[in-house]
Amino acid sequence: MKSALLVIDVQQSFTRRPYWDEAELPGFIQNLQQLVNRAQQAGLPVLQVFHVDEEGAENAFSHESGLIKTLPQLDIRPTEVFTKAVHSAMFATTRNGRSLDYWLRTHGIDRLIVTGIRTEQCCETTTRHASDLGYSVTYAVDATLTFPMVSGSGRTYTAAEIRDRTELVLQGRFAQVQRSAAVAI
C-alpha cells in the first residue's frame, strides 16, 4: 500500500479559542513530529490541511487573522497544502482547486495516516469519510490533540476520555487505531 501522512488543522488559530489548553501540547507535538520526520525520511507525502473560514479578521480561522499558520512547535515541510471550510479533510482543496481525494488518487495513495487537531472532530470525521471512500486508514491517536469538553448534562469529559471514545468507535470499523510509535511508515 502506498501511504500518505495527513496533518490536519495543526494551526495557530486554535490558540485563540477559549478552550485552548497547552497541557497535552508537548506530547502531541513530540508524537506528531516523529511521524512527520519518519514520513519525510521514507519519502512519504506529508499533506498539511488548514481549516479556513472567511468571516473577517476577528475570526481566528480567517485568512485576515494571520493565524492560518502551522503551530511554531512543529517543523514540517509539506508535500502539498490544502484548505477546507468543513470538518472532513477529504473536502480540502489545493490552491488550484484540486480536492485532497483527487490528489491522493492521482498519486496512487491508498492508505492514510491521520493526525492533527481535534481528535473527535476533524480527525475523526476525516477518518470516517476516508474509510467510506475506500482508503485504508491508520489513526495515530496520540498524534491527535483535543481539549476537555462539557456535555449538555454538565459532565466534563477529559481529553483522554475523548481520545478513548474516539479509539472505541473507530477501531476495526473505520481505521486501525495505533500509537504513533507503532505506526508503520
N, C-alpha and C. Protein backbone atom coordinates (compact mmCIF):
# COMPACT_ATOMS: atom_id res chain seq x y z
N MET A 1 0.84 -1.19 0.00
CA MET A 1 0.00 0.00 0.00
C MET A 1 0.88 1.25 0.00
N LYS A 2 0.48 2.21 -0.78
CA LYS A 2 1.20 3.49 -0.82
C LYS A 2 0.50 4.45 0.15
N SER A 3 1.26 5.00 1.07
CA SER A 3 0.71 5.80 2.17
C SER A 3 1.03 7.27 2.05
N ALA A 4 0.23 8.07 2.77
CA ALA A 4 0.48 9.50 2.95
C ALA A 4 0.13 9.86 4.38
N LEU A 5 0.87 10.81 4.93
CA LEU A 5 0.61 11.32 6.27
C LEU A 5 -0.23 12.59 6.15
N LEU A 6 -1.40 12.61 6.81
CA LEU A 6 -2.26 13.80 6.84
C LEU A 6 -2.05 14.53 8.17
N VAL A 7 -1.73 15.80 8.09
CA VAL A 7 -1.58 16.64 9.26
C VAL A 7 -2.71 17.68 9.19
N ILE A 8 -3.73 17.47 10.01
CA ILE A 8 -4.98 18.21 9.91
C ILE A 8 -5.06 19.32 10.97
N ASP A 9 -5.19 20.55 10.52
CA ASP A 9 -5.53 21.70 11.37
C ASP A 9 -4.54 21.98 12.51
N VAL A 10 -3.29 21.66 12.33
CA VAL A 10 -2.28 21.97 13.35
C VAL A 10 -1.87 23.42 13.10
N GLN A 11 -2.73 24.32 13.53
CA GLN A 11 -2.59 25.72 13.17
C GLN A 11 -2.78 26.65 14.36
N GLN A 12 -2.20 27.83 14.22
CA GLN A 12 -2.21 28.81 15.29
C GLN A 12 -3.60 29.33 15.65
N SER A 13 -4.55 29.16 14.76
CA SER A 13 -5.93 29.61 15.02
C SER A 13 -6.45 29.09 16.35
N PHE A 14 -6.13 27.85 16.68
CA PHE A 14 -6.66 27.24 17.90
C PHE A 14 -6.20 27.96 19.16
N THR A 15 -5.05 28.60 19.11
CA THR A 15 -4.53 29.26 20.32
C THR A 15 -5.41 30.43 20.74
N ARG A 16 -6.31 30.87 19.88
CA ARG A 16 -7.22 31.97 20.21
C ARG A 16 -8.59 31.49 20.68
N ARG A 17 -8.79 30.20 20.71
CA ARG A 17 -10.06 29.67 21.18
C ARG A 17 -10.07 29.60 22.71
N PRO A 18 -11.23 29.84 23.34
CA PRO A 18 -11.28 29.86 24.81
C PRO A 18 -10.94 28.51 25.44
N TYR A 19 -11.11 27.43 24.73
CA TYR A 19 -10.81 26.10 25.27
C TYR A 19 -9.35 25.69 25.09
N TRP A 20 -8.54 26.51 24.39
CA TRP A 20 -7.13 26.15 24.15
C TRP A 20 -6.44 25.87 25.47
N ASP A 21 -5.75 24.74 25.51
CA ASP A 21 -5.05 24.31 26.71
C ASP A 21 -3.76 23.64 26.25
N GLU A 22 -2.63 24.09 26.75
CA GLU A 22 -1.35 23.56 26.31
C GLU A 22 -0.87 22.37 27.13
N ALA A 23 -1.69 21.88 28.04
CA ALA A 23 -1.27 20.78 28.92
C ALA A 23 -0.77 19.56 28.15
N GLU A 24 -1.46 19.19 27.10
CA GLU A 24 -1.08 18.00 26.34
C GLU A 24 -0.31 18.32 25.06
N LEU A 25 -0.05 19.60 24.84
CA LEU A 25 0.63 20.02 23.62
C LEU A 25 2.03 19.41 23.46
N PRO A 26 2.88 19.40 24.48
CA PRO A 26 4.23 18.84 24.27
C PRO A 26 4.24 17.39 23.81
N GLY A 27 3.43 16.54 24.41
CA GLY A 27 3.36 15.14 24.00
C GLY A 27 2.82 14.98 22.59
N PHE A 28 1.78 15.74 22.30
CA PHE A 28 1.19 15.72 20.95
C PHE A 28 2.23 16.11 19.91
N ILE A 29 2.92 17.24 20.15
CA ILE A 29 3.93 17.71 19.19
C ILE A 29 5.05 16.68 19.04
N GLN A 30 5.49 16.10 20.13
CA GLN A 30 6.55 15.09 20.06
C GLN A 30 6.13 13.90 19.21
N ASN A 31 4.92 13.40 19.43
CA ASN A 31 4.42 12.25 18.66
C ASN A 31 4.22 12.61 17.19
N LEU A 32 3.65 13.77 16.94
CA LEU A 32 3.42 14.20 15.56
C LEU A 32 4.74 14.45 14.85
N GLN A 33 5.67 15.11 15.53
CA GLN A 33 6.96 15.42 14.90
C GLN A 33 7.70 14.14 14.50
N GLN A 34 7.66 13.13 15.36
CA GLN A 34 8.35 11.90 14.99
C GLN A 34 7.69 11.23 13.79
N LEU A 35 6.38 11.34 13.66
CA LEU A 35 5.71 10.80 12.46
C LEU A 35 6.08 11.60 11.22
N VAL A 36 6.08 12.92 11.33
CA VAL A 36 6.47 13.78 10.21
C VAL A 36 7.90 13.44 9.78
N ASN A 37 8.80 13.35 10.73
CA ASN A 37 10.20 13.04 10.42
C ASN A 37 10.34 11.68 9.75
N ARG A 38 9.67 10.68 10.30
CA ARG A 38 9.74 9.33 9.71
C ARG A 38 9.16 9.31 8.30
N ALA A 39 8.04 10.01 8.10
CA ALA A 39 7.42 10.05 6.77
C ALA A 39 8.34 10.73 5.77
N GLN A 40 8.91 11.87 6.16
CA GLN A 40 9.80 12.59 5.26
C GLN A 40 11.04 11.77 4.93
N GLN A 41 11.60 11.10 5.92
CA GLN A 41 12.79 10.26 5.68
C GLN A 41 12.48 9.10 4.75
N ALA A 42 11.25 8.59 4.84
CA ALA A 42 10.85 7.47 3.99
C ALA A 42 10.34 7.90 2.62
N GLY A 43 10.24 9.20 2.39
CA GLY A 43 9.74 9.70 1.12
C GLY A 43 8.23 9.66 0.96
N LEU A 44 7.51 9.50 2.07
CA LEU A 44 6.05 9.52 2.02
C LEU A 44 5.56 10.96 1.90
N PRO A 45 4.50 11.19 1.16
CA PRO A 45 3.93 12.54 1.10
C PRO A 45 3.43 12.95 2.48
N VAL A 46 3.74 14.18 2.87
CA VAL A 46 3.22 14.77 4.09
C VAL A 46 2.28 15.88 3.64
N LEU A 47 1.00 15.69 3.89
CA LEU A 47 -0.04 16.58 3.38
C LEU A 47 -0.61 17.39 4.54
N GLN A 48 -0.49 18.71 4.44
CA GLN A 48 -0.95 19.59 5.51
C GLN A 48 -2.28 20.21 5.11
N VAL A 49 -3.22 20.18 6.06
CA VAL A 49 -4.55 20.72 5.83
C VAL A 49 -4.82 21.80 6.88
N PHE A 50 -5.31 22.94 6.41
CA PHE A 50 -5.68 24.04 7.30
C PHE A 50 -7.19 24.28 7.20
N HIS A 51 -7.80 24.57 8.34
CA HIS A 51 -9.21 24.96 8.35
C HIS A 51 -9.27 26.47 8.18
N VAL A 52 -10.08 26.93 7.23
CA VAL A 52 -10.19 28.36 6.93
C VAL A 52 -11.66 28.74 6.81
N ASP A 53 -12.03 29.78 7.57
CA ASP A 53 -13.35 30.41 7.43
C ASP A 53 -13.09 31.84 6.98
N GLU A 54 -13.87 32.31 6.06
CA GLU A 54 -13.69 33.69 5.57
C GLU A 54 -14.73 34.60 6.22
N GLU A 55 -14.52 34.92 7.49
CA GLU A 55 -15.51 35.73 8.21
C GLU A 55 -14.92 36.97 8.84
N GLY A 56 -13.76 37.46 8.39
CA GLY A 56 -13.20 38.69 8.93
C GLY A 56 -12.06 38.45 9.91
N ALA A 57 -11.30 39.49 10.17
CA ALA A 57 -10.08 39.41 10.97
C ALA A 57 -10.33 38.96 12.41
N GLU A 58 -11.52 39.17 12.93
CA GLU A 58 -11.80 38.76 14.30
C GLU A 58 -11.95 37.24 14.45
N ASN A 59 -12.17 36.54 13.35
CA ASN A 59 -12.26 35.08 13.36
C ASN A 59 -10.86 34.50 13.22
N ALA A 60 -10.42 33.77 14.22
CA ALA A 60 -9.07 33.19 14.21
C ALA A 60 -8.85 32.21 13.08
N PHE A 61 -9.92 31.75 12.44
CA PHE A 61 -9.80 30.80 11.34
C PHE A 61 -9.96 31.47 9.97
N SER A 62 -9.88 32.79 9.94
CA SER A 62 -9.94 33.51 8.66
C SER A 62 -8.52 33.86 8.22
N HIS A 63 -8.33 34.01 6.93
CA HIS A 63 -7.02 34.43 6.42
C HIS A 63 -6.63 35.79 7.00
N GLU A 64 -7.63 36.66 7.16
CA GLU A 64 -7.36 38.00 7.67
C GLU A 64 -6.76 38.01 9.07
N SER A 65 -7.01 36.96 9.84
CA SER A 65 -6.49 36.89 11.22
C SER A 65 -4.98 36.74 11.26
N GLY A 66 -4.40 36.20 10.20
CA GLY A 66 -2.96 35.93 10.18
C GLY A 66 -2.58 34.68 10.96
N LEU A 67 -3.56 33.88 11.36
CA LEU A 67 -3.30 32.71 12.20
C LEU A 67 -3.40 31.38 11.46
N ILE A 68 -3.59 31.44 10.15
CA ILE A 68 -3.64 30.20 9.36
C ILE A 68 -2.18 29.83 9.06
N LYS A 69 -1.50 29.45 10.12
CA LYS A 69 -0.09 29.06 10.05
C LYS A 69 0.12 27.88 10.98
N THR A 70 1.12 27.08 10.66
CA THR A 70 1.47 25.93 11.49
C THR A 70 1.85 26.39 12.89
N LEU A 71 1.45 25.60 13.89
CA LEU A 71 1.92 25.88 15.24
C LEU A 71 3.44 25.92 15.21
N PRO A 72 4.05 26.91 15.84
CA PRO A 72 5.51 27.08 15.73
C PRO A 72 6.33 25.93 16.30
N GLN A 73 5.73 25.11 17.14
CA GLN A 73 6.45 23.99 17.74
C GLN A 73 6.69 22.84 16.75
N LEU A 74 5.98 22.84 15.63
CA LEU A 74 6.08 21.76 14.65
C LEU A 74 6.94 22.17 13.47
N ASP A 75 7.92 21.34 13.15
CA ASP A 75 8.77 21.55 11.98
C ASP A 75 8.24 20.64 10.86
N ILE A 76 7.66 21.25 9.85
CA ILE A 76 7.03 20.49 8.77
C ILE A 76 7.32 21.16 7.44
N ARG A 77 7.64 20.34 6.46
CA ARG A 77 7.82 20.79 5.09
C ARG A 77 6.86 19.96 4.23
N PRO A 78 5.62 20.41 4.14
CA PRO A 78 4.60 19.59 3.47
C PRO A 78 4.86 19.41 1.99
N THR A 79 4.47 18.24 1.52
CA THR A 79 4.50 17.93 0.10
C THR A 79 3.47 18.78 -0.63
N GLU A 80 2.31 18.95 0.01
CA GLU A 80 1.23 19.76 -0.55
C GLU A 80 0.42 20.33 0.60
N VAL A 81 -0.18 21.49 0.38
CA VAL A 81 -1.01 22.16 1.38
C VAL A 81 -2.43 22.28 0.84
N PHE A 82 -3.40 22.00 1.70
CA PHE A 82 -4.81 22.04 1.36
C PHE A 82 -5.53 22.93 2.37
N THR A 83 -6.67 23.47 1.97
CA THR A 83 -7.53 24.20 2.90
C THR A 83 -8.94 23.64 2.81
N LYS A 84 -9.66 23.79 3.91
CA LYS A 84 -11.03 23.30 3.98
C LYS A 84 -11.86 24.24 4.83
N ALA A 85 -13.16 24.19 4.65
CA ALA A 85 -14.09 25.00 5.44
C ALA A 85 -15.12 24.13 6.14
N VAL A 86 -14.90 22.81 6.12
CA VAL A 86 -15.78 21.83 6.76
C VAL A 86 -14.91 20.92 7.61
N HIS A 87 -15.52 19.99 8.33
CA HIS A 87 -14.76 19.11 9.22
C HIS A 87 -13.87 18.12 8.47
N SER A 88 -14.35 17.49 7.44
CA SER A 88 -13.57 16.45 6.76
C SER A 88 -12.51 17.03 5.84
N ALA A 89 -11.28 16.59 6.06
CA ALA A 89 -10.18 17.00 5.18
C ALA A 89 -10.35 16.43 3.78
N MET A 90 -11.20 15.45 3.61
CA MET A 90 -11.41 14.88 2.28
C MET A 90 -12.06 15.89 1.34
N PHE A 91 -12.62 16.98 1.87
CA PHE A 91 -13.17 18.05 1.06
C PHE A 91 -12.18 19.19 0.85
N ALA A 92 -10.99 19.07 1.43
CA ALA A 92 -9.98 20.13 1.31
C ALA A 92 -9.50 20.21 -0.13
N THR A 93 -9.02 21.41 -0.50
CA THR A 93 -8.54 21.62 -1.86
C THR A 93 -7.19 22.35 -1.85
N THR A 94 -6.46 22.16 -2.94
CA THR A 94 -5.20 22.88 -3.15
C THR A 94 -5.54 24.28 -3.65
N ARG A 95 -4.52 25.09 -3.83
CA ARG A 95 -4.73 26.45 -4.36
C ARG A 95 -5.37 26.43 -5.74
N ASN A 96 -5.07 25.38 -6.51
CA ASN A 96 -5.65 25.31 -7.86
C ASN A 96 -7.00 24.60 -7.89
N GLY A 97 -7.57 24.32 -6.69
CA GLY A 97 -8.92 23.78 -6.62
C GLY A 97 -9.03 22.27 -6.69
N ARG A 98 -7.91 21.55 -6.71
CA ARG A 98 -7.96 20.08 -6.72
C ARG A 98 -8.23 19.56 -5.32
N SER A 99 -9.15 18.61 -5.22
CA SER A 99 -9.51 18.06 -3.91
C SER A 99 -8.42 17.14 -3.38
N LEU A 100 -8.41 16.95 -2.08
CA LEU A 100 -7.49 16.00 -1.47
C LEU A 100 -7.70 14.62 -2.05
N ASP A 101 -8.95 14.21 -2.19
CA ASP A 101 -9.26 12.89 -2.76
C ASP A 101 -8.66 12.77 -4.16
N TYR A 102 -8.81 13.79 -4.98
CA TYR A 102 -8.23 13.78 -6.33
C TYR A 102 -6.70 13.64 -6.25
N TRP A 103 -6.07 14.43 -5.38
CA TRP A 103 -4.62 14.39 -5.23
C TRP A 103 -4.16 12.98 -4.83
N LEU A 104 -4.85 12.40 -3.86
CA LEU A 104 -4.48 11.07 -3.38
C LEU A 104 -4.60 10.03 -4.48
N ARG A 105 -5.70 10.04 -5.19
CA ARG A 105 -5.92 9.04 -6.25
C ARG A 105 -4.91 9.25 -7.40
N THR A 106 -4.64 10.50 -7.74
CA THR A 106 -3.68 10.80 -8.80
C THR A 106 -2.28 10.30 -8.45
N HIS A 107 -1.95 10.32 -7.15
CA HIS A 107 -0.64 9.88 -6.70
C HIS A 107 -0.62 8.43 -6.22
N GLY A 108 -1.70 7.71 -6.46
CA GLY A 108 -1.74 6.28 -6.14
C GLY A 108 -1.75 5.97 -4.65
N ILE A 109 -2.22 6.89 -3.84
CA ILE A 109 -2.27 6.68 -2.39
C ILE A 109 -3.52 5.89 -2.04
N ASP A 110 -3.34 4.82 -1.27
CA ASP A 110 -4.50 4.05 -0.83
C ASP A 110 -4.56 3.89 0.68
N ARG A 111 -3.57 4.44 1.39
CA ARG A 111 -3.57 4.39 2.86
C ARG A 111 -3.24 5.76 3.42
N LEU A 112 -4.04 6.20 4.39
CA LEU A 112 -3.83 7.49 5.04
C LEU A 112 -3.48 7.29 6.50
N ILE A 113 -2.53 8.07 6.97
CA ILE A 113 -2.20 8.12 8.38
C ILE A 113 -2.73 9.46 8.88
N VAL A 114 -3.72 9.41 9.76
CA VAL A 114 -4.42 10.62 10.20
C VAL A 114 -3.84 11.13 11.52
N THR A 115 -3.51 12.43 11.54
CA THR A 115 -3.02 13.14 12.72
C THR A 115 -3.65 14.52 12.74
N GLY A 116 -3.56 15.22 13.87
CA GLY A 116 -3.97 16.62 13.88
C GLY A 116 -4.79 17.05 15.07
N ILE A 117 -5.49 18.15 14.88
CA ILE A 117 -6.35 18.78 15.89
C ILE A 117 -7.75 18.86 15.28
N ARG A 118 -8.75 18.55 15.88
CA ARG A 118 -9.15 17.96 17.10
C ARG A 118 -9.49 16.50 16.89
N THR A 119 -9.15 15.71 17.88
CA THR A 119 -9.31 14.26 17.85
C THR A 119 -10.69 13.84 17.38
N GLU A 120 -11.73 14.35 18.05
CA GLU A 120 -13.11 13.88 17.85
C GLU A 120 -13.85 14.66 16.77
N GLN A 121 -13.24 15.67 16.21
CA GLN A 121 -13.92 16.45 15.20
C GLN A 121 -13.29 16.20 13.83
N CYS A 122 -12.39 17.05 13.41
CA CYS A 122 -11.85 16.95 12.06
C CYS A 122 -11.07 15.66 11.81
N CYS A 123 -10.33 15.19 12.81
CA CYS A 123 -9.56 13.95 12.61
C CYS A 123 -10.49 12.75 12.49
N GLU A 124 -11.44 12.65 13.40
CA GLU A 124 -12.38 11.52 13.35
C GLU A 124 -13.27 11.59 12.11
N THR A 125 -13.76 12.77 11.78
CA THR A 125 -14.62 12.93 10.60
C THR A 125 -13.86 12.55 9.33
N THR A 126 -12.63 13.01 9.21
CA THR A 126 -11.81 12.67 8.05
C THR A 126 -11.60 11.17 7.96
N THR A 127 -11.36 10.54 9.09
CA THR A 127 -11.14 9.08 9.12
C THR A 127 -12.37 8.34 8.61
N ARG A 128 -13.52 8.69 9.10
CA ARG A 128 -14.75 8.02 8.66
C ARG A 128 -14.99 8.24 7.16
N HIS A 129 -14.81 9.47 6.73
CA HIS A 129 -15.03 9.83 5.33
C HIS A 129 -14.04 9.08 4.43
N ALA A 130 -12.76 9.08 4.80
CA ALA A 130 -11.74 8.41 4.00
C ALA A 130 -12.02 6.91 3.92
N SER A 131 -12.41 6.32 5.02
CA SER A 131 -12.75 4.90 5.02
C SER A 131 -13.91 4.62 4.08
N ASP A 132 -14.94 5.46 4.13
CA ASP A 132 -16.09 5.29 3.25
C ASP A 132 -15.72 5.46 1.78
N LEU A 133 -14.65 6.23 1.51
CA LEU A 133 -14.18 6.42 0.13
C LEU A 133 -13.26 5.28 -0.33
N GLY A 134 -12.99 4.33 0.56
CA GLY A 134 -12.21 3.16 0.19
C GLY A 134 -10.75 3.18 0.59
N TYR A 135 -10.33 4.19 1.33
CA TYR A 135 -8.94 4.25 1.78
C TYR A 135 -8.77 3.38 3.03
N SER A 136 -7.62 2.80 3.16
CA SER A 136 -7.21 2.17 4.41
C SER A 136 -6.71 3.31 5.29
N VAL A 137 -7.13 3.33 6.56
CA VAL A 137 -6.78 4.44 7.43
C VAL A 137 -6.11 3.93 8.69
N THR A 138 -4.98 4.55 9.01
CA THR A 138 -4.33 4.36 10.30
C THR A 138 -4.52 5.65 11.06
N TYR A 139 -5.12 5.55 12.23
CA TYR A 139 -5.41 6.72 13.06
C TYR A 139 -4.39 6.74 14.19
N ALA A 140 -3.47 7.70 14.12
CA ALA A 140 -2.41 7.82 15.14
C ALA A 140 -2.97 8.61 16.32
N VAL A 141 -3.62 7.92 17.22
CA VAL A 141 -4.43 8.56 18.26
C VAL A 141 -3.63 9.49 19.16
N ASP A 142 -2.38 9.18 19.46
CA ASP A 142 -1.60 10.06 20.33
C ASP A 142 -0.91 11.18 19.55
N ALA A 143 -1.15 11.22 18.24
CA ALA A 143 -0.69 12.34 17.41
C ALA A 143 -1.90 13.17 16.98
N THR A 144 -2.95 13.10 17.81
CA THR A 144 -4.10 13.98 17.69
C THR A 144 -4.23 14.73 19.02
N LEU A 145 -4.80 15.91 18.95
CA LEU A 145 -4.94 16.75 20.13
C LEU A 145 -6.39 17.18 20.26
N THR A 146 -6.87 17.16 21.48
CA THR A 146 -8.18 17.72 21.77
C THR A 146 -8.16 18.35 23.15
N PHE A 147 -9.31 18.80 23.58
CA PHE A 147 -9.42 19.57 24.81
C PHE A 147 -10.64 19.09 25.59
N PRO A 148 -10.65 19.29 26.90
CA PRO A 148 -11.82 18.89 27.68
C PRO A 148 -13.10 19.53 27.12
N MET A 149 -14.19 18.79 27.26
CA MET A 149 -15.49 19.27 26.78
C MET A 149 -16.54 19.00 27.85
N VAL A 150 -17.58 19.83 27.87
CA VAL A 150 -18.67 19.66 28.82
C VAL A 150 -19.93 19.29 28.05
N SER A 151 -20.56 18.19 28.45
CA SER A 151 -21.78 17.74 27.78
C SER A 151 -22.98 18.56 28.22
N GLY A 152 -24.08 18.35 27.57
CA GLY A 152 -25.32 19.05 27.92
C GLY A 152 -25.76 18.76 29.34
N SER A 153 -25.39 17.59 29.87
CA SER A 153 -25.77 17.23 31.25
C SER A 153 -24.84 17.85 32.28
N GLY A 154 -23.78 18.51 31.80
CA GLY A 154 -22.84 19.14 32.71
C GLY A 154 -21.61 18.32 33.03
N ARG A 155 -21.54 17.12 32.51
CA ARG A 155 -20.36 16.28 32.76
C ARG A 155 -19.18 16.77 31.94
N THR A 156 -18.02 16.87 32.56
CA THR A 156 -16.80 17.23 31.86
C THR A 156 -16.09 15.97 31.40
N TYR A 157 -15.77 15.92 30.13
CA TYR A 157 -15.00 14.81 29.56
C TYR A 157 -13.58 15.30 29.36
N THR A 158 -12.62 14.56 29.87
CA THR A 158 -11.22 14.94 29.71
C THR A 158 -10.76 14.64 28.29
N ALA A 159 -9.66 15.22 27.91
CA ALA A 159 -9.08 14.93 26.59
C ALA A 159 -8.79 13.43 26.46
N ALA A 160 -8.30 12.81 27.52
CA ALA A 160 -8.00 11.37 27.50
C ALA A 160 -9.28 10.56 27.27
N GLU A 161 -10.37 10.95 27.91
CA GLU A 161 -11.65 10.24 27.72
C GLU A 161 -12.16 10.40 26.29
N ILE A 162 -11.99 11.59 25.73
CA ILE A 162 -12.43 11.83 24.35
C ILE A 162 -11.61 10.98 23.38
N ARG A 163 -10.29 10.93 23.58
CA ARG A 163 -9.44 10.08 22.73
C ARG A 163 -9.84 8.61 22.87
N ASP A 164 -10.11 8.18 24.09
CA ASP A 164 -10.51 6.80 24.33
C ASP A 164 -11.81 6.47 23.60
N ARG A 165 -12.76 7.38 23.65
CA ARG A 165 -14.04 7.19 22.95
C ARG A 165 -13.84 7.15 21.44
N THR A 166 -12.98 8.02 20.94
CA THR A 166 -12.69 8.03 19.51
C THR A 166 -12.05 6.72 19.09
N GLU A 167 -11.11 6.24 19.87
CA GLU A 167 -10.49 4.94 19.58
C GLU A 167 -11.54 3.84 19.56
N LEU A 168 -12.44 3.85 20.53
CA LEU A 168 -13.50 2.85 20.63
C LEU A 168 -14.37 2.81 19.37
N VAL A 169 -14.78 3.97 18.87
CA VAL A 169 -15.72 3.99 17.75
C VAL A 169 -15.05 3.83 16.39
N LEU A 170 -13.73 4.08 16.30
CA LEU A 170 -13.04 3.95 15.02
C LEU A 170 -12.41 2.57 14.81
N GLN A 171 -11.84 2.00 15.89
CA GLN A 171 -11.05 0.78 15.78
C GLN A 171 -11.84 -0.36 15.13
N GLY A 172 -11.27 -0.87 14.05
CA GLY A 172 -11.85 -2.03 13.38
C GLY A 172 -13.06 -1.73 12.51
N ARG A 173 -13.59 -0.53 12.61
CA ARG A 173 -14.73 -0.14 11.79
C ARG A 173 -14.29 0.79 10.67
N PHE A 174 -13.54 1.82 11.05
CA PHE A 174 -13.11 2.83 10.10
C PHE A 174 -11.60 2.94 9.98
N ALA A 175 -10.88 2.39 10.94
CA ALA A 175 -9.44 2.57 10.97
C ALA A 175 -8.76 1.54 11.84
N GLN A 176 -7.47 1.47 11.66
CA GLN A 176 -6.62 0.77 12.60
C GLN A 176 -6.08 1.88 13.50
N VAL A 177 -6.44 1.86 14.77
CA VAL A 177 -6.02 2.89 15.70
C VAL A 177 -4.73 2.44 16.39
N GLN A 178 -3.72 3.29 16.32
CA GLN A 178 -2.43 2.94 16.89
C GLN A 178 -1.79 4.14 17.57
N ARG A 179 -0.84 3.85 18.43
CA ARG A 179 0.04 4.89 18.98
C ARG A 179 1.05 5.22 17.91
N SER A 180 1.53 6.44 17.88
CA SER A 180 2.40 6.90 16.79
C SER A 180 3.66 6.05 16.64
N ALA A 181 4.24 5.61 17.73
CA ALA A 181 5.47 4.81 17.64
C ALA A 181 5.25 3.49 16.92
N ALA A 182 4.01 2.98 16.93
CA ALA A 182 3.71 1.70 16.29
C ALA A 182 3.27 1.84 14.84
N VAL A 183 3.04 3.06 14.38
CA VAL A 183 2.55 3.28 13.01
C VAL A 183 3.63 2.90 12.00
N ALA A 184 3.28 2.01 11.11
CA ALA A 184 4.19 1.62 10.02
C ALA A 184 4.21 2.74 8.99
N ILE A 185 5.41 3.13 8.62
CA ILE A 185 5.56 4.18 7.60
C ILE A 185 5.91 3.55 6.27
